């Protein structure tokens, strides 16, 4: 993963391709953002950034470890 100062972002974006490795964008040396290729799977990326979805996954994994089940009725569907 490479690090790029925010003042260099225009040059980075002009030459960016989906083959690039993720880049950490910094301001005064402090990370502020991450630029990474999404290929064709924007839906998976959207789900991983959705806190409601990740809460469902965490609850499911916890129940699975406890030997329990996760029932459809327990899911509050994303809106």
PDB file of N, CA and C in Angstrom:
ATOM      1  N   UNK A   1       0.856  -1.170   0.000  1.00  0.00           N
ATOM      2  CA  UNK A   1       0.000   0.000   0.000  1.00  0.00           C
ATOM      3  C   UNK A   1       0.897   1.226   0.000  1.00  0.00           C
ATOM      4  N   UNK A   2       0.596   2.151  -0.887  1.00  0.00           N
ATOM      5  CA  UNK A   2       1.413   3.361  -0.928  1.00  0.00           C
ATOM      6  C   UNK A   2       0.687   4.507  -0.233  1.00  0.00           C
ATOM      7  N   UNK A   3       1.453   5.510   0.151  1.00  0.00           N
ATOM      8  CA  UNK A   3       0.925   6.688   0.833  1.00  0.00           C
ATOM      9  C   UNK A   3       1.112   7.900  -0.069  1.00  0.00           C
ATOM     10  N   UNK A   4       0.059   8.729  -0.166  1.00  0.00           N
ATOM     11  CA  UNK A   4       0.088   9.904  -1.032  1.00  0.00           C
ATOM     12  C   UNK A   4      -0.416  11.099  -0.239  1.00  0.00           C
ATOM     13  N   UNK A   5       0.331  12.201  -0.292  1.00  0.00           N
ATOM     14  CA  UNK A   5      -0.111  13.437   0.366  1.00  0.00           C
ATOM     15  C   UNK A   5      -1.289  13.999  -0.419  1.00  0.00           C
ATOM     16  N   UNK A   6      -2.239  14.608   0.273  1.00  0.00           N
ATOM     17  CA  UNK A   6      -3.472  15.099  -0.355  1.00  0.00           C
ATOM     18  C   UNK A   6      -3.184  16.104  -1.468  1.00  0.00           C
ATOM     19  N   UNK A   7      -2.099  16.839  -1.352  1.00  0.00           N
ATOM     20  CA  UNK A   7      -1.754  17.805  -2.393  1.00  0.00           C
ATOM     21  C   UNK A   7      -1.370  17.125  -3.707  1.00  0.00           C
ATOM     22  N   UNK A   8      -1.072  15.822  -3.667  1.00  0.00           N
ATOM     23  CA  UNK A   8      -0.684  15.073  -4.860  1.00  0.00           C
ATOM     24  C   UNK A   8      -1.839  14.253  -5.434  1.00  0.00           C
ATOM     25  N   UNK A   9      -3.046  14.421  -4.912  1.00  0.00           N
ATOM     26  CA  UNK A   9      -4.169  13.560  -5.285  1.00  0.00           C
ATOM     27  C   UNK A   9      -4.581  13.708  -6.748  1.00  0.00           C
ATOM     28  N   UNK A  10      -4.539  14.917  -7.291  1.00  0.00           N
ATOM     29  CA  UNK A  10      -4.940  15.122  -8.692  1.00  0.00           C
ATOM     30  C   UNK A  10      -4.066  14.282  -9.618  1.00  0.00           C
ATOM     31  N   UNK A  11      -2.771  14.331  -9.409  1.00  0.00           N
ATOM     32  CA  UNK A  11      -1.860  13.546 -10.245  1.00  0.00           C
ATOM     33  C   UNK A  11      -2.126  12.052 -10.080  1.00  0.00           C
ATOM     34  N   UNK A  12      -2.399  11.630  -8.873  1.00  0.00           N
ATOM     35  CA  UNK A  12      -2.696  10.220  -8.625  1.00  0.00           C
ATOM     36  C   UNK A  12      -3.953   9.788  -9.366  1.00  0.00           C
ATOM     37  N   UNK A  13      -5.004  10.593  -9.283  1.00  0.00           N
ATOM     38  CA  UNK A  13      -6.274  10.230  -9.922  1.00  0.00           C
ATOM     39  C   UNK A  13      -6.182  10.243 -11.441  1.00  0.00           C
ATOM     40  N   UNK A  14      -5.417  11.156 -11.991  1.00  0.00           N
ATOM     41  CA  UNK A  14      -5.279  11.222 -13.446  1.00  0.00           C
ATOM     42  C   UNK A  14      -4.653   9.957 -14.017  1.00  0.00           C
ATOM     43  N   UNK A  15      -3.807   9.305 -13.243  1.00  0.00           N
ATOM     44  CA  UNK A  15      -3.093   8.127 -13.726  1.00  0.00           C
ATOM     45  C   UNK A  15      -3.556   6.835 -13.063  1.00  0.00           C
ATOM     46  N   UNK A  16      -4.630   6.897 -12.298  1.00  0.00           N
ATOM     47  CA  UNK A  16      -5.069   5.728 -11.530  1.00  0.00           C
ATOM     48  C   UNK A  16      -5.742   4.704 -12.433  1.00  0.00           C
ATOM     49  N   UNK A  17      -5.459   3.436 -12.179  1.00  0.00           N
ATOM     50  CA  UNK A  17      -6.127   2.363 -12.919  1.00  0.00           C
ATOM     51  C   UNK A  17      -6.604   1.323 -11.921  1.00  0.00           C
ATOM     52  N   UNK A  18      -7.477   0.430 -12.378  1.00  0.00           N
ATOM     53  CA  UNK A  18      -8.006  -0.594 -11.482  1.00  0.00           C
ATOM     54  C   UNK A  18      -6.949  -1.633 -11.117  1.00  0.00           C
ATOM     55  N   UNK A  19      -5.795  -1.570 -11.729  1.00  0.00           N
ATOM     56  CA  UNK A  19      -4.706  -2.486 -11.389  1.00  0.00           C
ATOM     57  C   UNK A  19      -3.846  -1.963 -10.244  1.00  0.00           C
ATOM     58  N   UNK A  20      -4.127  -0.759  -9.803  1.00  0.00           N
ATOM     59  CA  UNK A  20      -3.333  -0.132  -8.748  1.00  0.00           C
ATOM     60  C   UNK A  20      -3.552  -0.828  -7.410  1.00  0.00           C
ATOM     61  N   UNK A  21      -2.557  -0.695  -6.560  1.00  0.00           N
ATOM     62  CA  UNK A  21      -2.715  -1.143  -5.177  1.00  0.00           C
ATOM     63  C   UNK A  21      -3.439  -0.040  -4.403  1.00  0.00           C
ATOM     64  N   UNK A  22      -4.035  -0.356  -3.259  1.00  0.00           N
ATOM     65  CA  UNK A  22      -4.686   0.687  -2.465  1.00  0.00           C
ATOM     66  C   UNK A  22      -3.694   1.787  -2.081  1.00  0.00           C
ATOM     67  N   UNK A  23      -4.192   3.017  -1.983  1.00  0.00           N
ATOM     68  CA  UNK A  23      -3.355   4.161  -1.619  1.00  0.00           C
ATOM     69  C   UNK A  23      -3.967   4.884  -0.431  1.00  0.00           C
ATOM     70  N   UNK A  24      -3.153   5.142   0.573  1.00  0.00           N
ATOM     71  CA  UNK A  24      -3.587   5.923   1.732  1.00  0.00           C
ATOM     72  C   UNK A  24      -3.366   7.384   1.409  1.00  0.00           C
ATOM     73  N   UNK A  25      -4.418   8.193   1.516  1.00  0.00           N
ATOM     74  CA  UNK A  25      -4.325   9.630   1.270  1.00  0.00           C
ATOM     75  C   UNK A  25      -4.069  10.306   2.621  1.00  0.00           C
ATOM     76  N   UNK A  26      -3.059  11.151   2.676  1.00  0.00           N
ATOM     77  CA  UNK A  26      -2.715  11.809   3.941  1.00  0.00           C
ATOM     78  C   UNK A  26      -2.809  13.320   3.824  1.00  0.00           C
ATOM     79  N   UNK A  27      -2.998  13.950   4.956  1.00  0.00           N
ATOM     80  CA  UNK A  27      -2.934  15.412   5.075  1.00  0.00           C
ATOM     81  C   UNK A  27      -1.953  15.692   6.206  1.00  0.00           C
ATOM     82  N   UNK A  28      -0.878  16.373   5.884  1.00  0.00           N
ATOM     83  CA  UNK A  28       0.175  16.654   6.870  1.00  0.00           C
ATOM     84  C   UNK A  28       0.680  15.373   7.533  1.00  0.00           C
ATOM     85  N   UNK A  29       0.778  14.306   6.730  1.00  0.00           N
ATOM     86  CA  UNK A  29       1.297  13.044   7.239  1.00  0.00           C
ATOM     87  C   UNK A  29       0.298  12.170   7.972  1.00  0.00           C
ATOM     88  N   UNK A  30      -0.930  12.659   8.176  1.00  0.00           N
ATOM     89  CA  UNK A  30      -1.952  11.886   8.879  1.00  0.00           C
ATOM     90  C   UNK A  30      -2.929  11.277   7.873  1.00  0.00           C
ATOM     91  N   UNK A  31      -3.234   9.981   7.982  1.00  0.00           N
ATOM     92  CA  UNK A  31      -4.167   9.359   7.039  1.00  0.00           C
ATOM     93  C   UNK A  31      -5.578   9.953   7.155  1.00  0.00           C
ATOM     94  N   UNK A  32      -6.174  10.265   5.998  1.00  0.00           N
ATOM     95  CA  UNK A  32      -7.530  10.823   5.984  1.00  0.00           C
ATOM     96  C   UNK A  32      -8.484  10.029   5.096  1.00  0.00           C
ATOM     97  N   UNK A  33      -7.934   9.225   4.177  1.00  0.00           N
ATOM     98  CA  UNK A  33      -8.800   8.468   3.264  1.00  0.00           C
ATOM     99  C   UNK A  33      -8.013   7.310   2.659  1.00  0.00           C
ATOM    100  N   UNK A  34      -8.756   6.408   2.052  1.00  0.00           N
ATOM    101  CA  UNK A  34      -8.155   5.279   1.352  1.00  0.00           C
ATOM    102  C   UNK A  34      -8.737   5.215  -0.046  1.00  0.00           C
ATOM    103  N   UNK A  35      -7.886   5.138  -1.035  1.00  0.00           N
ATOM    104  CA  UNK A  35      -8.305   4.994  -2.421  1.00  0.00           C
ATOM    105  C   UNK A  35      -7.955   3.574  -2.846  1.00  0.00           C
ATOM    106  N   UNK A  36      -8.978   2.816  -3.237  1.00  0.00           N
ATOM    107  CA  UNK A  36      -8.703   1.444  -3.665  1.00  0.00           C
ATOM    108  C   UNK A  36      -9.603   1.086  -4.841  1.00  0.00           C
ATOM    109  N   UNK A  37      -9.081   0.272  -5.742  1.00  0.00           N
ATOM    110  CA  UNK A  37      -9.889  -0.134  -6.891  1.00  0.00           C
ATOM    111  C   UNK A  37     -11.044  -1.021  -6.437  1.00  0.00           C
ATOM    112  N   UNK A  38     -12.198  -0.872  -7.074  1.00  0.00           N
ATOM    113  CA  UNK A  38     -13.341  -1.697  -6.697  1.00  0.00           C
ATOM    114  C   UNK A  38     -13.675  -2.738  -7.745  1.00  0.00           C
ATOM    115  N   UNK A  39     -12.884  -2.774  -8.808  1.00  0.00           N
ATOM    116  CA  UNK A  39     -13.134  -3.712  -9.901  1.00  0.00           C
ATOM    117  C   UNK A  39     -14.591  -3.580 -10.329  1.00  0.00           C
ATOM    118  N   UNK A  40     -15.313  -4.670 -10.378  1.00  0.00           N
ATOM    119  CA  UNK A  40     -16.720  -4.628 -10.783  1.00  0.00           C
ATOM    120  C   UNK A  40     -17.652  -4.967  -9.630  1.00  0.00           C
ATOM    121  N   UNK A  41     -17.138  -4.987  -8.409  1.00  0.00           N
ATOM    122  CA  UNK A  41     -17.924  -5.468  -7.280  1.00  0.00           C
ATOM    123  C   UNK A  41     -18.286  -4.349  -6.313  1.00  0.00           C
ATOM    124  N   UNK A  42     -18.918  -3.309  -6.819  1.00  0.00           N
ATOM    125  CA  UNK A  42     -19.302  -2.169  -5.978  1.00  0.00           C
ATOM    126  C   UNK A  42     -20.357  -2.561  -4.947  1.00  0.00           C
ATOM    127  N   UNK A  43     -21.176  -3.554  -5.247  1.00  0.00           N
ATOM    128  CA  UNK A  43     -22.206  -4.000  -4.311  1.00  0.00           C
ATOM    129  C   UNK A  43     -21.581  -4.574  -3.034  1.00  0.00           C
ATOM    130  N   UNK A  44     -20.567  -5.395  -3.165  1.00  0.00           N
ATOM    131  CA  UNK A  44     -19.888  -5.950  -1.988  1.00  0.00           C
ATOM    132  C   UNK A  44     -19.244  -4.843  -1.165  1.00  0.00           C
ATOM    133  N   UNK A  45     -18.641  -3.885  -1.840  1.00  0.00           N
ATOM    134  CA  UNK A  45     -18.033  -2.763  -1.138  1.00  0.00           C
ATOM    135  C   UNK A  45     -19.085  -1.984  -0.363  1.00  0.00           C
ATOM    136  N   UNK A  46     -20.226  -1.725  -0.975  1.00  0.00           N
ATOM    137  CA  UNK A  46     -21.306  -0.996  -0.313  1.00  0.00           C
ATOM    138  C   UNK A  46     -21.784  -1.728   0.937  1.00  0.00           C
ATOM    139  N   UNK A  47     -21.914  -3.039   0.847  1.00  0.00           N
ATOM    140  CA  UNK A  47     -22.365  -3.818   2.005  1.00  0.00           C
ATOM    141  C   UNK A  47     -21.353  -3.798   3.138  1.00  0.00           C
ATOM    142  N   UNK A  48     -20.075  -3.890   2.821  1.00  0.00           N
ATOM    143  CA  UNK A  48     -19.071  -3.901   3.882  1.00  0.00           C
ATOM    144  C   UNK A  48     -18.974  -2.561   4.597  1.00  0.00           C
ATOM    145  N   UNK A  49     -19.405  -1.492   3.938  1.00  0.00           N
ATOM    146  CA  UNK A  49     -19.381  -0.168   4.562  1.00  0.00           C
ATOM    147  C   UNK A  49     -20.678   0.168   5.282  1.00  0.00           C
ATOM    148  N   UNK A  50     -21.667  -0.723   5.202  1.00  0.00           N
ATOM    149  CA  UNK A  50     -22.965  -0.497   5.823  1.00  0.00           C
ATOM    150  C   UNK A  50     -22.954  -1.062   7.240  1.00  0.00           C
ATOM    151  N   UNK A  51     -23.048  -0.190   8.245  1.00  0.00           N
ATOM    152  CA  UNK A  51     -22.948  -0.640   9.635  1.00  0.00           C
ATOM    153  C   UNK A  51     -24.085  -1.580  10.032  1.00  0.00           C
ATOM    154  N   UNK A  52     -25.276  -1.403   9.479  1.00  0.00           N
ATOM    155  CA  UNK A  52     -26.378  -2.314   9.787  1.00  0.00           C
ATOM    156  C   UNK A  52     -26.071  -3.720   9.283  1.00  0.00           C
ATOM    157  N   UNK A  53     -25.523  -3.798   8.086  1.00  0.00           N
ATOM    158  CA  UNK A  53     -25.182  -5.097   7.517  1.00  0.00           C
ATOM    159  C   UNK A  53     -24.082  -5.774   8.329  1.00  0.00           C
ATOM    160  N   UNK A  54     -23.036  -5.027   8.685  1.00  0.00           N
ATOM    161  CA  UNK A  54     -21.955  -5.624   9.457  1.00  0.00           C
ATOM    162  C   UNK A  54     -22.428  -6.054  10.840  1.00  0.00           C
ATOM    163  N   UNK A  55     -23.395  -5.344  11.431  1.00  0.00           N
ATOM    164  CA  UNK A  55     -23.971  -5.769  12.705  1.00  0.00           C
ATOM    165  C   UNK A  55     -24.693  -7.106  12.564  1.00  0.00           C
ATOM    166  N   UNK A  56     -25.417  -7.281  11.466  1.00  0.00           N
ATOM    167  CA  UNK A  56     -26.102  -8.554  11.203  1.00  0.00           C
ATOM    168  C   UNK A  56     -25.084  -9.683  11.101  1.00  0.00           C
ATOM    169  N   UNK A  57     -23.996  -9.451  10.388  1.00  0.00           N
ATOM    170  CA  UNK A  57     -22.961 -10.468  10.218  1.00  0.00           C
ATOM    171  C   UNK A  57     -22.320 -10.810  11.564  1.00  0.00           C
ATOM    172  N   UNK A  58     -22.000  -9.794  12.364  1.00  0.00           N
ATOM    173  CA  UNK A  58     -21.395 -10.021  13.679  1.00  0.00           C
ATOM    174  C   UNK A  58     -22.322 -10.836  14.577  1.00  0.00           C
ATOM    175  N   UNK A  59     -23.603 -10.494  14.583  1.00  0.00           N
ATOM    176  CA  UNK A  59     -24.573 -11.216  15.407  1.00  0.00           C
ATOM    177  C   UNK A  59     -24.689 -12.664  14.938  1.00  0.00           C
ATOM    178  N   UNK A  60     -24.698 -12.866  13.657  1.00  0.00           N
ATOM    179  CA  UNK A  60     -24.788 -14.209  13.102  1.00  0.00           C
ATOM    180  C   UNK A  60     -23.570 -15.046  13.492  1.00  0.00           C
ATOM    181  N   UNK A  61     -22.399 -14.471  13.378  1.00  0.00           N
ATOM    182  CA  UNK A  61     -21.177 -15.195  13.740  1.00  0.00           C
ATOM    183  C   UNK A  61     -21.142 -15.526  15.222  1.00  0.00           C
ATOM    184  N   UNK A  62     -21.591 -14.595  16.050  1.00  0.00           N
ATOM    185  CA  UNK A  62     -21.625 -14.833  17.493  1.00  0.00           C
ATOM    186  C   UNK A  62     -22.580 -15.983  17.812  1.00  0.00           C
ATOM    187  N   UNK A  63     -23.763 -15.959  17.217  1.00  0.00           N
ATOM    188  CA  UNK A  63     -24.731 -17.040  17.440  1.00  0.00           C
ATOM    189  C   UNK A  63     -24.188 -18.376  16.949  1.00  0.00           C
ATOM    190  N   UNK A  64     -23.482 -18.361  15.832  1.00  0.00           N
ATOM    191  CA  UNK A  64     -22.911 -19.584  15.273  1.00  0.00           C
ATOM    192  C   UNK A  64     -21.884 -20.169  16.230  1.00  0.00           C
ATOM    193  N   UNK A  65     -21.049 -19.324  16.828  1.00  0.00           N
ATOM    194  CA  UNK A  65     -20.037 -19.791  17.777  1.00  0.00           C
ATOM    195  C   UNK A  65     -20.673 -20.382  19.021  1.00  0.00           C
ATOM    196  N   UNK A  66     -21.825 -19.857  19.409  1.00  0.00           N
ATOM    197  CA  UNK A  66     -22.523 -20.344  20.598  1.00  0.00           C
ATOM    198  C   UNK A  66     -23.362 -21.578  20.294  1.00  0.00           C
ATOM    199  N   UNK A  67     -23.266 -22.057  19.063  1.00  0.00           N
ATOM    200  CA  UNK A  67     -23.994 -23.252  18.690  1.00  0.00           C
ATOM    201  C   UNK A  67     -25.453 -23.000  18.378  1.00  0.00           C
ATOM    202  N   UNK A  68     -25.815 -21.751  18.329  1.00  0.00           N
ATOM    203  CA  UNK A  68     -27.205 -21.403  18.061  1.00  0.00           C
ATOM    204  C   UNK A  68     -27.458 -21.185  16.588  1.00  0.00           C
ATOM    205  N   UNK A  69     -28.607 -20.707  16.324  1.00  0.00           N
ATOM    206  CA  UNK A  69     -28.994 -20.416  14.948  1.00  0.00           C
ATOM    207  C   UNK A  69     -29.383 -18.952  14.840  1.00  0.00           C
ATOM    208  N   UNK A  70     -29.393 -18.494  13.631  1.00  0.00           N
ATOM    209  CA  UNK A  70     -29.810 -17.125  13.342  1.00  0.00           C
ATOM    210  C   UNK A  70     -31.048 -17.219  12.480  1.00  0.00           C
ATOM    211  N   UNK A  71     -32.181 -16.832  13.030  1.00  0.00           N
ATOM    212  CA  UNK A  71     -33.445 -16.985  12.338  1.00  0.00           C
ATOM    213  C   UNK A  71     -33.783 -15.749  11.517  1.00  0.00           C
ATOM    214  N   UNK A  72     -34.434 -15.983  10.396  1.00  0.00           N
ATOM    215  CA  UNK A  72     -34.809 -14.920   9.486  1.00  0.00           C
ATOM    216  C   UNK A  72     -35.664 -13.857  10.190  1.00  0.00           C
ATOM    217  N   UNK A  73     -36.501 -14.291  11.119  1.00  0.00           N
ATOM    218  CA  UNK A  73     -37.376 -13.355  11.838  1.00  0.00           C
ATOM    219  C   UNK A  73     -36.587 -12.360  12.685  1.00  0.00           C
ATOM    220  N   UNK A  74     -35.354 -12.727  13.056  1.00  0.00           N
ATOM    221  CA  UNK A  74     -34.538 -11.860  13.897  1.00  0.00           C
ATOM    222  C   UNK A  74     -33.846 -10.755  13.111  1.00  0.00           C
ATOM    223  N   UNK A  75     -33.871 -10.859  11.806  1.00  0.00           N
ATOM    224  CA  UNK A  75     -33.172  -9.881  10.964  1.00  0.00           C
ATOM    225  C   UNK A  75     -34.051  -8.670  10.723  1.00  0.00           C
ATOM    226  N   UNK A  76     -33.518  -7.507  11.023  1.00  0.00           N
ATOM    227  CA  UNK A  76     -34.189  -6.263  10.656  1.00  0.00           C
ATOM    228  C   UNK A  76     -33.603  -5.885   9.311  1.00  0.00           C
ATOM    229  N   UNK A  77     -34.389  -6.003   8.278  1.00  0.00           N
ATOM    230  CA  UNK A  77     -33.900  -5.815   6.921  1.00  0.00           C
ATOM    231  C   UNK A  77     -33.464  -4.373   6.689  1.00  0.00           C
ATOM    232  N   UNK A  78     -32.414  -4.239   5.886  1.00  0.00           N
ATOM    233  CA  UNK A  78     -31.879  -2.922   5.549  1.00  0.00           C
ATOM    234  C   UNK A  78     -32.868  -2.154   4.706  1.00  0.00           C
ATOM    235  N   UNK A  79     -32.975  -0.898   4.979  1.00  0.00           N
ATOM    236  CA  UNK A  79     -33.893  -0.095   4.166  1.00  0.00           C
ATOM    237  C   UNK A  79     -33.165   1.001   3.459  1.00  0.00           C
TER     238      UNK A  79
END
